[in-house]
Amino acid sequence: MPKEIFYAVAVGRQQGLFKNLQEAKAQVSKFPKGRYRKFVSRDSAEEYLEKAGVLPRRERFYAVSNGRKIGLFKNKAEANAQIFEYSYSSMKKFFSREDAINNPLFKKSFEKNKKKEEKKLKKLQESLGINSDNESYYESSEPDDFCCYYVDSDEYGFGFGINDSDESDEIYYDTSNGGYRFNGYTHFFN
């Protein structure tokens, strides 16, 4: 089966993609500064037309499977920063999130990285004394200082507080705002 060929007319009577050379030539023939190009892939042809301003720019996703930070990025500069001067780095552009996530090479890498991040989270939880219910707090050796941590299955963060010695030392978990509360100054980071 012969490969499909696309002709992208950037400047002509009618701009767009054509599968027939004669149709593409008819659009640019005797047209002032008429311009077209031949492509073997639809994505390349559409990208050419986007750069020429014929088609609206599509959303792009950049999958980094080997780099400083592995993941899916919407910003090319941010993705490039992850692979710049990184040995054996790997990045690929996709036009849909689903294509990027379902790509076998990148899917395997993302899953491997997810497991690695889960191990880091578990290690953090263990070092902070967080129990299996993902709820715990840590009290420092100083009676007037208090620090608490809350870890959810999807998100994690930390908080700190300074308890006024004149106030009650009551500490409780408040489900209405998803964090620990006690009398004194508190701050929670996500």
Protein backbone atom coordinates (compact mmCIF):
# COMPACT_ATOMS: atom_id res chain seq x y z
CA MET A 1 0.00 0.00 0.00
CA PRO A 2 1.53 3.34 -1.04
CA LYS A 3 2.20 5.96 1.60
CA GLU A 4 -0.30 8.76 1.93
CA ILE A 5 1.06 12.12 0.77
CA PHE A 6 -0.26 15.53 1.81
CA TYR A 7 0.18 18.88 0.13
CA ALA A 8 -0.10 21.87 2.45
CA VAL A 9 -1.01 25.15 0.75
CA ALA A 10 0.09 28.03 2.97
CA VAL A 11 -0.51 30.85 0.46
CA GLY A 12 -2.96 30.42 -2.38
CA ARG A 13 -6.55 30.76 -3.56
CA GLN A 14 -7.64 28.17 -1.01
CA GLN A 15 -5.36 27.34 1.90
CA GLY A 16 -5.28 23.97 3.60
CA LEU A 17 -4.40 20.31 3.09
CA PHE A 18 -4.78 18.52 -0.22
CA LYS A 19 -4.13 14.89 -1.13
CA ASN A 20 -3.84 15.57 -4.84
CA LEU A 21 -0.85 17.43 -6.35
CA GLN A 22 -2.93 18.91 -9.18
CA GLU A 23 -5.41 20.41 -6.69
CA ALA A 24 -2.58 21.94 -4.65
CA LYS A 25 -0.89 23.36 -7.77
CA ALA A 26 -4.19 24.83 -8.95
CA GLN A 27 -4.40 26.82 -5.69
CA VAL A 28 -0.95 28.40 -6.08
CA SER A 29 -0.62 28.63 -9.88
CA LYS A 30 -0.45 32.30 -10.97
CA PHE A 31 -1.26 33.35 -7.41
CA PRO A 32 1.04 36.11 -6.06
CA LYS A 33 3.67 34.49 -3.83
CA GLY A 34 1.74 31.20 -3.78
CA ARG A 35 3.37 28.59 -1.58
CA TYR A 36 2.83 24.88 -0.90
CA ARG A 37 4.85 21.93 0.40
CA LYS A 38 4.67 18.15 0.19
CA PHE A 39 4.54 16.04 3.39
CA VAL A 40 4.46 12.32 4.12
CA SER A 41 2.63 12.77 7.43
CA ARG A 42 -0.54 14.66 8.24
CA ASP A 43 0.92 15.96 11.53
CA SER A 44 3.89 17.55 9.76
CA ALA A 45 1.63 19.15 7.16
CA GLU A 46 -0.71 20.53 9.83
CA GLU A 47 2.23 21.85 11.83
CA TYR A 48 3.49 23.65 8.72
CA LEU A 49 0.06 25.24 8.21
CA GLU A 50 -0.10 26.24 11.89
CA LYS A 51 3.26 28.00 11.61
CA ALA A 52 2.06 29.74 8.47
CA GLY A 53 -1.00 30.96 10.37
CA VAL A 54 -3.49 29.00 8.25
CA LEU A 55 -4.67 26.63 11.00
CA PRO A 56 -5.22 27.57 14.62
CA ARG A 57 -2.45 26.30 16.87
CA ARG A 58 -3.32 22.98 18.48
CA GLU A 59 -2.50 22.17 22.05
CA ARG A 60 0.73 20.23 22.38
CA PHE A 61 2.01 17.89 25.06
CA TYR A 62 5.66 17.05 25.62
CA ALA A 63 6.35 13.69 27.25
CA VAL A 64 9.70 13.37 28.99
CA SER A 65 10.49 9.71 29.64
CA ASN A 66 14.10 10.24 30.73
CA GLY A 67 15.26 13.50 32.23
CA ARG A 68 15.57 15.47 35.44
CA LYS A 69 11.82 15.27 35.96
CA ILE A 70 9.78 12.63 34.16
CA GLY A 71 6.29 13.57 33.11
CA LEU A 72 3.96 15.32 30.71
CA PHE A 73 4.46 19.02 30.05
CA LYS A 74 2.35 21.56 28.14
CA ASN A 75 5.22 24.01 27.84
CA LYS A 76 8.05 23.09 25.47
CA ALA A 77 10.60 25.25 27.31
CA GLU A 78 9.81 23.51 30.60
CA ALA A 79 10.14 20.09 28.94
CA ASN A 80 13.43 21.10 27.30
CA ALA A 81 14.76 22.20 30.70
CA GLN A 82 14.24 18.62 31.93
CA ILE A 83 16.35 17.08 29.15
CA PHE A 84 18.98 19.79 28.52
CA GLU A 85 22.46 18.35 29.12
CA TYR A 86 20.95 15.20 30.63
CA SER A 87 22.53 11.95 29.42
CA TYR A 88 20.27 9.68 27.39
CA SER A 89 17.34 12.06 27.74
CA SER A 90 14.14 11.38 25.83
CA MET A 91 11.26 13.68 24.90
CA LYS A 92 8.48 13.43 22.34
CA LYS A 93 5.74 15.81 21.24
CA PHE A 94 2.09 14.73 21.10
CA PHE A 95 -1.02 16.57 19.96
CA SER A 96 -3.30 14.97 22.54
CA ARG A 97 -2.92 14.03 26.17
CA GLU A 98 -4.35 10.57 25.49
CA ASP A 99 -1.76 9.81 22.80
CA ALA A 100 1.06 10.81 25.15
CA ILE A 101 -0.25 8.82 28.10
CA ASN A 102 -1.03 5.73 26.00
CA ASN A 103 2.29 5.66 24.14
CA PRO A 104 3.87 2.34 25.27
CA LEU A 105 7.40 3.71 25.71
CA PHE A 106 6.35 6.71 27.75
CA LYS A 107 3.62 4.85 29.65
CA LYS A 108 6.21 2.39 30.98
CA SER A 109 8.50 5.23 31.99
CA PHE A 110 5.69 7.19 33.68
CA GLU A 111 4.61 4.11 35.67
CA LYS A 112 8.20 3.46 36.74
CA ASN A 113 8.55 7.08 37.86
CA LYS A 114 5.21 6.95 39.70
CA LYS A 115 6.43 3.94 41.70
CA LYS A 116 9.65 5.80 42.46
CA GLU A 117 7.68 8.84 43.70
CA GLU A 118 5.41 6.60 45.80
CA LYS A 119 8.51 5.11 47.45
CA LYS A 120 9.78 8.62 48.22
CA LEU A 121 6.40 9.52 49.72
CA LYS A 122 6.35 6.35 51.82
CA LYS A 123 9.86 7.09 53.08
CA LEU A 124 8.77 10.63 53.96
CA GLN A 125 5.70 9.28 55.77
CA GLU A 126 7.83 6.83 57.74
CA SER A 127 10.34 9.51 58.71
CA LEU A 128 7.49 11.73 59.92
CA GLY A 129 5.81 8.93 61.85
CA ILE A 130 2.66 8.89 59.76
CA ASN A 131 0.46 5.85 60.31
CA SER A 132 -1.34 3.70 57.74
CA ASP A 133 -4.48 5.88 57.94
CA ASN A 134 -2.43 8.74 56.46
CA GLU A 135 -3.09 10.83 59.54
CA SER A 136 -0.56 11.66 62.18
CA TYR A 137 1.17 14.45 63.94
CA TYR A 138 4.60 14.99 65.37
CA GLU A 139 5.31 16.91 68.55
CA SER A 140 8.77 18.31 69.11
CA SER A 141 10.65 17.86 72.37
CA GLU A 142 9.91 21.45 73.33
CA PRO A 143 6.48 21.65 74.97
CA ASP A 144 5.68 25.05 73.44
CA ASP A 145 6.48 24.01 69.85
CA PHE A 146 4.29 21.87 67.68
CA CYS A 147 4.57 20.60 64.17
CA CYS A 148 2.00 18.57 62.34
CA TYR A 149 1.88 16.72 59.04
CA TYR A 150 -1.04 15.48 57.02
CA VAL A 151 -0.64 13.17 54.07
CA ASP A 152 -3.49 12.23 51.75
CA SER A 153 -3.28 9.39 49.24
CA ASP A 154 -3.07 11.83 46.31
CA GLU A 155 -1.48 14.88 47.87
CA TYR A 156 0.96 15.49 50.64
CA GLY A 157 2.16 18.54 52.46
CA PHE A 158 3.41 19.74 55.78
CA GLY A 159 2.48 22.31 58.33
CA PHE A 160 4.02 24.00 61.29
CA GLY A 161 2.80 25.86 64.30
CA ILE A 162 3.91 27.63 67.40
CA ASN A 163 1.72 27.01 70.38
CA ASP A 164 1.40 29.77 72.96
CA SER A 165 2.13 28.24 76.36
CA ASP A 166 -0.83 30.16 77.83
CA GLU A 167 -3.25 28.46 75.45
CA SER A 168 -4.76 25.01 75.63
CA ASP A 169 -2.62 22.23 74.18
CA GLU A 170 -5.65 20.58 72.59
CA ILE A 171 -4.89 19.16 69.15
CA TYR A 172 -7.53 17.70 66.88
CA TYR A 173 -8.09 16.81 63.25
CA ASP A 174 -10.69 18.99 61.54
CA THR A 175 -12.22 17.33 58.46
CA SER A 176 -13.91 20.55 57.32
CA ASN A 177 -10.64 22.04 56.08
CA GLY A 178 -8.52 18.90 55.78
CA GLY A 179 -5.89 19.72 58.38
CA TYR A 180 -4.90 19.63 62.02
CA ARG A 181 -5.87 22.46 64.32
CA PHE A 182 -4.62 23.63 67.64
CA ASN A 183 -4.53 26.90 69.54
CA GLY A 184 -1.68 29.08 68.33
CA TYR A 185 -0.13 30.07 65.01
CA THR A 186 -0.43 27.55 62.18
CA HIS A 187 0.43 27.29 58.54
CA PHE A 188 -0.11 24.41 56.12
CA PHE A 189 1.59 23.88 52.77
CA ASN A 190 0.40 21.67 49.91
